Amino acid sequence: MPKIKTHKGASKRFKLTGSGKILREKAYTNHILTKKNAKRKRRLGDKIEVSTADTKKVKRLLGK
């Protein structure tokens, strides 16, 4: 079997931690920020863990 190539779009969007968790950024942070309050923008800046339902798919895209 050949090696699985890394999906370049996924590699730019997800980060694998040392313990094996996959982190992603939240949506709605790019534009139309004037109507969003500071608290909301601050929370959107956080990175969160990918849901367990999607973990297997994302790991495959990352070639892990």
PDB file of N, CA and C in Angstrom:
ATOM      1  N   MET A   1       0.830  -1.193   0.000  1.00  0.00           N
ATOM      2  CA  MET A   1       0.000   0.000   0.000  1.00  0.00           C
ATOM      3  C   MET A   1       0.874   1.256   0.000  1.00  0.00           C
ATOM      4  N   PRO A   2       0.522   2.248  -0.823  1.00  0.00           N
ATOM      5  CA  PRO A   2       1.280   3.497  -0.798  1.00  0.00           C
ATOM      6  C   PRO A   2       0.936   4.316   0.453  1.00  0.00           C
ATOM      7  N   LYS A   3       1.802   5.254   0.749  1.00  0.00           N
ATOM      8  CA  LYS A   3       1.555   6.135   1.889  1.00  0.00           C
ATOM      9  C   LYS A   3       0.377   7.053   1.577  1.00  0.00           C
ATOM     10  N   ILE A   4      -0.315   7.507   2.626  1.00  0.00           N
ATOM     11  CA  ILE A   4      -1.415   8.451   2.450  1.00  0.00           C
ATOM     12  C   ILE A   4      -0.834   9.861   2.400  1.00  0.00           C
ATOM     13  N   LYS A   5      -1.200  10.607   1.364  1.00  0.00           N
ATOM     14  CA  LYS A   5      -0.728  11.987   1.257  1.00  0.00           C
ATOM     15  C   LYS A   5      -1.496  12.868   2.237  1.00  0.00           C
ATOM     16  N   THR A   6      -0.805  13.866   2.760  1.00  0.00           N
ATOM     17  CA  THR A   6      -1.429  14.839   3.648  1.00  0.00           C
ATOM     18  C   THR A   6      -2.332  15.740   2.828  1.00  0.00           C
ATOM     19  N   HIS A   7      -3.538  15.964   3.294  1.00  0.00           N
ATOM     20  CA  HIS A   7      -4.459  16.901   2.653  1.00  0.00           C
ATOM     21  C   HIS A   7      -4.014  18.304   3.052  1.00  0.00           C
ATOM     22  N   LYS A   8      -3.524  19.073   2.090  1.00  0.00           N
ATOM     23  CA  LYS A   8      -2.899  20.360   2.393  1.00  0.00           C
ATOM     24  C   LYS A   8      -3.881  21.365   2.994  1.00  0.00           C
ATOM     25  N   GLY A   9      -5.139  21.331   2.549  1.00  0.00           N
ATOM     26  CA  GLY A   9      -6.147  22.229   3.124  1.00  0.00           C
ATOM     27  C   GLY A   9      -6.386  21.914   4.581  1.00  0.00           C
ATOM     28  N   ALA A  10      -6.417  20.619   4.911  1.00  0.00           N
ATOM     29  CA  ALA A  10      -6.630  20.201   6.304  1.00  0.00           C
ATOM     30  C   ALA A  10      -5.418  20.540   7.164  1.00  0.00           C
ATOM     31  N   SER A  11      -4.225  20.392   6.605  1.00  0.00           N
ATOM     32  CA  SER A  11      -3.019  20.657   7.391  1.00  0.00           C
ATOM     33  C   SER A  11      -2.912  22.127   7.783  1.00  0.00           C
ATOM     34  N   LYS A  12      -3.522  23.017   6.992  1.00  0.00           N
ATOM     35  CA  LYS A  12      -3.509  24.438   7.315  1.00  0.00           C
ATOM     36  C   LYS A  12      -4.591  24.794   8.334  1.00  0.00           C
ATOM     37  N   ARG A  13      -5.604  23.949   8.472  1.00  0.00           N
ATOM     38  CA  ARG A  13      -6.732  24.269   9.345  1.00  0.00           C
ATOM     39  C   ARG A  13      -6.680  23.585  10.706  1.00  0.00           C
ATOM     40  N   PHE A  14      -5.963  22.483  10.821  1.00  0.00           N
ATOM     41  CA  PHE A  14      -5.945  21.710  12.057  1.00  0.00           C
ATOM     42  C   PHE A  14      -4.529  21.578  12.593  1.00  0.00           C
ATOM     43  N   LYS A  15      -4.420  21.471  13.935  1.00  0.00           N
ATOM     44  CA  LYS A  15      -3.125  21.313  14.584  1.00  0.00           C
ATOM     45  C   LYS A  15      -3.199  20.094  15.501  1.00  0.00           C
ATOM     46  N   LEU A  16      -2.232  19.216  15.387  1.00  0.00           N
ATOM     47  CA  LEU A  16      -2.178  18.027  16.220  1.00  0.00           C
ATOM     48  C   LEU A  16      -1.294  18.311  17.427  1.00  0.00           C
ATOM     49  N   THR A  17      -1.808  18.091  18.638  1.00  0.00           N
ATOM     50  CA  THR A  17      -1.028  18.339  19.847  1.00  0.00           C
ATOM     51  C   THR A  17      -0.172  17.121  20.166  1.00  0.00           C
ATOM     52  N   GLY A  18       0.694  17.271  21.122  1.00  0.00           N
ATOM     53  CA  GLY A  18       1.562  16.176  21.519  1.00  0.00           C
ATOM     54  C   GLY A  18       0.816  14.997  22.105  1.00  0.00           C
ATOM     55  N   SER A  19      -0.320  15.279  22.749  1.00  0.00           N
ATOM     56  CA  SER A  19      -1.101  14.203  23.362  1.00  0.00           C
ATOM     57  C   SER A  19      -2.071  13.554  22.376  1.00  0.00           C
ATOM     58  N   GLY A  20      -2.089  14.034  21.125  1.00  0.00           N
ATOM     59  CA  GLY A  20      -2.927  13.414  20.100  1.00  0.00           C
ATOM     60  C   GLY A  20      -4.262  14.093  19.857  1.00  0.00           C
ATOM     61  N   LYS A  21      -4.515  15.203  20.558  1.00  0.00           N
ATOM     62  CA  LYS A  21      -5.756  15.943  20.317  1.00  0.00           C
ATOM     63  C   LYS A  21      -5.610  16.764  19.032  1.00  0.00           C
ATOM     64  N   ILE A  22      -6.746  17.044  18.402  1.00  0.00           N
ATOM     65  CA  ILE A  22      -6.733  17.875  17.201  1.00  0.00           C
ATOM     66  C   ILE A  22      -7.451  19.174  17.520  1.00  0.00           C
ATOM     67  N   LEU A  23      -6.773  20.302  17.268  1.00  0.00           N
ATOM     68  CA  LEU A  23      -7.350  21.606  17.548  1.00  0.00           C
ATOM     69  C   LEU A  23      -7.772  22.285  16.258  1.00  0.00           C
ATOM     70  N   ARG A  24      -8.810  23.094  16.358  1.00  0.00           N
ATOM     71  CA  ARG A  24      -9.281  23.873  15.216  1.00  0.00           C
ATOM     72  C   ARG A  24      -9.650  25.264  15.681  1.00  0.00           C
ATOM     73  N   GLU A  25      -9.725  26.199  14.732  1.00  0.00           N
ATOM     74  CA  GLU A  25     -10.154  27.554  15.042  1.00  0.00           C
ATOM     75  C   GLU A  25     -11.657  27.665  14.879  1.00  0.00           C
ATOM     76  N   LYS A  26     -12.247  28.635  15.533  1.00  0.00           N
ATOM     77  CA  LYS A  26     -13.681  28.858  15.419  1.00  0.00           C
ATOM     78  C   LYS A  26     -13.990  29.679  14.167  1.00  0.00           C
ATOM     79  N   ALA A  27     -15.221  29.561  13.683  1.00  0.00           N
ATOM     80  CA  ALA A  27     -15.663  30.306  12.515  1.00  0.00           C
ATOM     81  C   ALA A  27     -16.124  31.707  12.909  1.00  0.00           C
ATOM     82  N   TYR A  28     -16.448  32.513  11.920  1.00  0.00           N
ATOM     83  CA  TYR A  28     -16.996  33.865  12.088  1.00  0.00           C
ATOM     84  C   TYR A  28     -16.005  34.864  12.667  1.00  0.00           C
ATOM     85  N   THR A  29     -14.727  34.759  12.304  1.00  0.00           N
ATOM     86  CA  THR A  29     -13.746  35.696  12.852  1.00  0.00           C
ATOM     87  C   THR A  29     -13.084  36.559  11.774  1.00  0.00           C
ATOM     88  N   ASN A  30     -13.512  36.450  10.523  1.00  0.00           N
ATOM     89  CA  ASN A  30     -12.777  37.107   9.444  1.00  0.00           C
ATOM     90  C   ASN A  30     -13.269  38.507   9.084  1.00  0.00           C
ATOM     91  N   HIS A  31     -14.555  38.694   8.941  1.00  0.00           N
ATOM     92  CA  HIS A  31     -15.043  40.012   8.528  1.00  0.00           C
ATOM     93  C   HIS A  31     -16.401  40.276   9.173  1.00  0.00           C
ATOM     94  N   ILE A  32     -16.896  41.491   8.974  1.00  0.00           N
ATOM     95  CA  ILE A  32     -18.096  42.005   9.646  1.00  0.00           C
ATOM     96  C   ILE A  32     -17.920  41.884  11.167  1.00  0.00           C
ATOM     97  N   LEU A  33     -16.807  42.421  11.642  1.00  0.00           N
ATOM     98  CA  LEU A  33     -16.497  42.329  13.069  1.00  0.00           C
ATOM     99  C   LEU A  33     -17.043  43.523  13.855  1.00  0.00           C
ATOM    100  N   THR A  34     -17.515  44.548  13.153  1.00  0.00           N
ATOM    101  CA  THR A  34     -17.970  45.756  13.861  1.00  0.00           C
ATOM    102  C   THR A  34     -19.221  45.503  14.673  1.00  0.00           C
ATOM    103  N   LYS A  35     -20.112  44.632  14.208  1.00  0.00           N
ATOM    104  CA  LYS A  35     -21.350  44.388  14.938  1.00  0.00           C
ATOM    105  C   LYS A  35     -21.210  43.323  16.019  1.00  0.00           C
ATOM    106  N   LYS A  36     -20.050  42.673  16.091  1.00  0.00           N
ATOM    107  CA  LYS A  36     -19.823  41.665  17.132  1.00  0.00           C
ATOM    108  C   LYS A  36     -19.164  42.333  18.321  1.00  0.00           C
ATOM    109  N   ASN A  37     -19.652  42.035  19.522  1.00  0.00           N
ATOM    110  CA  ASN A  37     -19.088  42.693  20.694  1.00  0.00           C
ATOM    111  C   ASN A  37     -17.731  42.086  21.070  1.00  0.00           C
ATOM    112  N   ALA A  38     -17.006  42.777  21.930  1.00  0.00           N
ATOM    113  CA  ALA A  38     -15.637  42.405  22.268  1.00  0.00           C
ATOM    114  C   ALA A  38     -15.559  41.030  22.918  1.00  0.00           C
ATOM    115  N   LYS A  39     -16.519  40.721  23.777  1.00  0.00           N
ATOM    116  CA  LYS A  39     -16.527  39.421  24.456  1.00  0.00           C
ATOM    117  C   LYS A  39     -16.655  38.280  23.445  1.00  0.00           C
ATOM    118  N   ARG A  40     -17.544  38.470  22.480  1.00  0.00           N
ATOM    119  CA  ARG A  40     -17.757  37.448  21.449  1.00  0.00           C
ATOM    120  C   ARG A  40     -16.507  37.258  20.592  1.00  0.00           C
ATOM    121  N   LYS A  41     -15.870  38.365  20.203  1.00  0.00           N
ATOM    122  CA  LYS A  41     -14.662  38.279  19.378  1.00  0.00           C
ATOM    123  C   LYS A  41     -13.519  37.614  20.147  1.00  0.00           C
ATOM    124  N   ARG A  42     -13.458  37.884  21.444  1.00  0.00           N
ATOM    125  CA  ARG A  42     -12.426  37.285  22.287  1.00  0.00           C
ATOM    126  C   ARG A  42     -12.620  35.777  22.368  1.00  0.00           C
ATOM    127  N   ARG A  43     -13.863  35.331  22.539  1.00  0.00           N
ATOM    128  CA  ARG A  43     -14.151  33.891  22.600  1.00  0.00           C
ATOM    129  C   ARG A  43     -13.890  33.209  21.268  1.00  0.00           C
ATOM    130  N   LEU A  44     -14.161  33.904  20.165  1.00  0.00           N
ATOM    131  CA  LEU A  44     -13.936  33.326  18.840  1.00  0.00           C
ATOM    132  C   LEU A  44     -12.443  33.147  18.546  1.00  0.00           C
ATOM    133  N   GLY A  45     -11.593  33.839  19.285  1.00  0.00           N
ATOM    134  CA  GLY A  45     -10.156  33.718  19.081  1.00  0.00           C
ATOM    135  C   GLY A  45      -9.570  32.446  19.663  1.00  0.00           C
ATOM    136  N   ASP A  46     -10.316  31.766  20.522  1.00  0.00           N
ATOM    137  CA  ASP A  46      -9.818  30.549  21.163  1.00  0.00           C
ATOM    138  C   ASP A  46      -9.767  29.387  20.179  1.00  0.00           C
ATOM    139  N   LYS A  47      -8.860  28.458  20.433  1.00  0.00           N
ATOM    140  CA  LYS A  47      -8.830  27.216  19.674  1.00  0.00           C
ATOM    141  C   LYS A  47      -9.552  26.149  20.492  1.00  0.00           C
ATOM    142  N   ILE A  48     -10.319  25.297  19.817  1.00  0.00           N
ATOM    143  CA  ILE A  48     -11.045  24.249  20.514  1.00  0.00           C
ATOM    144  C   ILE A  48     -10.747  22.899  19.888  1.00  0.00           C
ATOM    145  N   GLU A  49     -11.055  21.866  20.636  1.00  0.00           N
ATOM    146  CA  GLU A  49     -10.797  20.502  20.165  1.00  0.00           C
ATOM    147  C   GLU A  49     -11.859  20.080  19.154  1.00  0.00           C
ATOM    148  N   VAL A  50     -11.440  19.330  18.150  1.00  0.00           N
ATOM    149  CA  VAL A  50     -12.363  18.792  17.151  1.00  0.00           C
ATOM    150  C   VAL A  50     -13.261  17.770  17.834  1.00  0.00           C
ATOM    151  N   SER A  51     -14.530  17.706  17.431  1.00  0.00           N
ATOM    152  CA  SER A  51     -15.463  16.776  18.051  1.00  0.00           C
ATOM    153  C   SER A  51     -15.022  15.333  17.817  1.00  0.00           C
ATOM    154  N   THR A  52     -15.396  14.460  18.721  1.00  0.00           N
ATOM    155  CA  THR A  52     -14.979  13.058  18.633  1.00  0.00           C
ATOM    156  C   THR A  52     -15.517  12.386  17.383  1.00  0.00           C
ATOM    157  N   ALA A  53     -16.682  12.849  16.891  1.00  0.00           N
ATOM    158  CA  ALA A  53     -17.264  12.272  15.675  1.00  0.00           C
ATOM    159  C   ALA A  53     -16.389  12.539  14.451  1.00  0.00           C
ATOM    160  N   ASP A  54     -15.671  13.681  14.434  1.00  0.00           N
ATOM    161  CA  ASP A  54     -14.861  14.065  13.278  1.00  0.00           C
ATOM    162  C   ASP A  54     -13.391  13.716  13.415  1.00  0.00           C
ATOM    163  N   THR A  55     -12.953  13.297  14.594  1.00  0.00           N
ATOM    164  CA  THR A  55     -11.532  13.071  14.856  1.00  0.00           C
ATOM    165  C   THR A  55     -10.916  12.062  13.898  1.00  0.00           C
ATOM    166  N   LYS A  56     -11.591  10.947  13.672  1.00  0.00           N
ATOM    167  CA  LYS A  56     -11.049   9.897  12.811  1.00  0.00           C
ATOM    168  C   LYS A  56     -10.861  10.400  11.381  1.00  0.00           C
ATOM    169  N   LYS A  57     -11.835  11.149  10.872  1.00  0.00           N
ATOM    170  CA  LYS A  57     -11.757  11.681   9.516  1.00  0.00           C
ATOM    171  C   LYS A  57     -10.603  12.664   9.375  1.00  0.00           C
ATOM    172  N   VAL A  58     -10.469  13.551  10.355  1.00  0.00           N
ATOM    173  CA  VAL A  58      -9.432  14.589  10.289  1.00  0.00           C
ATOM    174  C   VAL A  58      -8.049  13.956  10.392  1.00  0.00           C
ATOM    175  N   LYS A  59      -7.879  12.956  11.267  1.00  0.00           N
ATOM    176  CA  LYS A  59      -6.585  12.279  11.399  1.00  0.00           C
ATOM    177  C   LYS A  59      -6.177  11.634  10.074  1.00  0.00           C
ATOM    178  N   ARG A  60      -7.137  11.056   9.369  1.00  0.00           N
ATOM    179  CA  ARG A  60      -6.852  10.446   8.079  1.00  0.00           C
ATOM    180  C   ARG A  60      -6.408  11.509   7.056  1.00  0.00           C
ATOM    181  N   LEU A  61      -7.078  12.664   7.076  1.00  0.00           N
ATOM    182  CA  LEU A  61      -6.689  13.747   6.177  1.00  0.00           C
ATOM    183  C   LEU A  61      -5.279  14.255   6.474  1.00  0.00           C
ATOM    184  N   LEU A  62      -4.914  14.225   7.751  1.00  0.00           N
ATOM    185  CA  LEU A  62      -3.577  14.696   8.148  1.00  0.00           C
ATOM    186  C   LEU A  62      -2.516  13.622   7.935  1.00  0.00           C
ATOM    187  N   GLY A  63      -2.926  12.430   7.548  1.00  0.00           N
ATOM    188  CA  GLY A  63      -1.971  11.357   7.285  1.00  0.00           C
ATOM    189  C   GLY A  63      -1.465  10.688   8.549  1.00  0.00           C
ATOM    190  N   LYS A  64      -2.241  10.723   9.622  1.00  0.00           N
ATOM    191  CA  LYS A  64      -1.828  10.134  10.909  1.00  0.00           C
ATOM    192  C   LYS A  64      -2.595   8.850  11.166  1.00  0.00           C
TER     193      LYS A  64
END
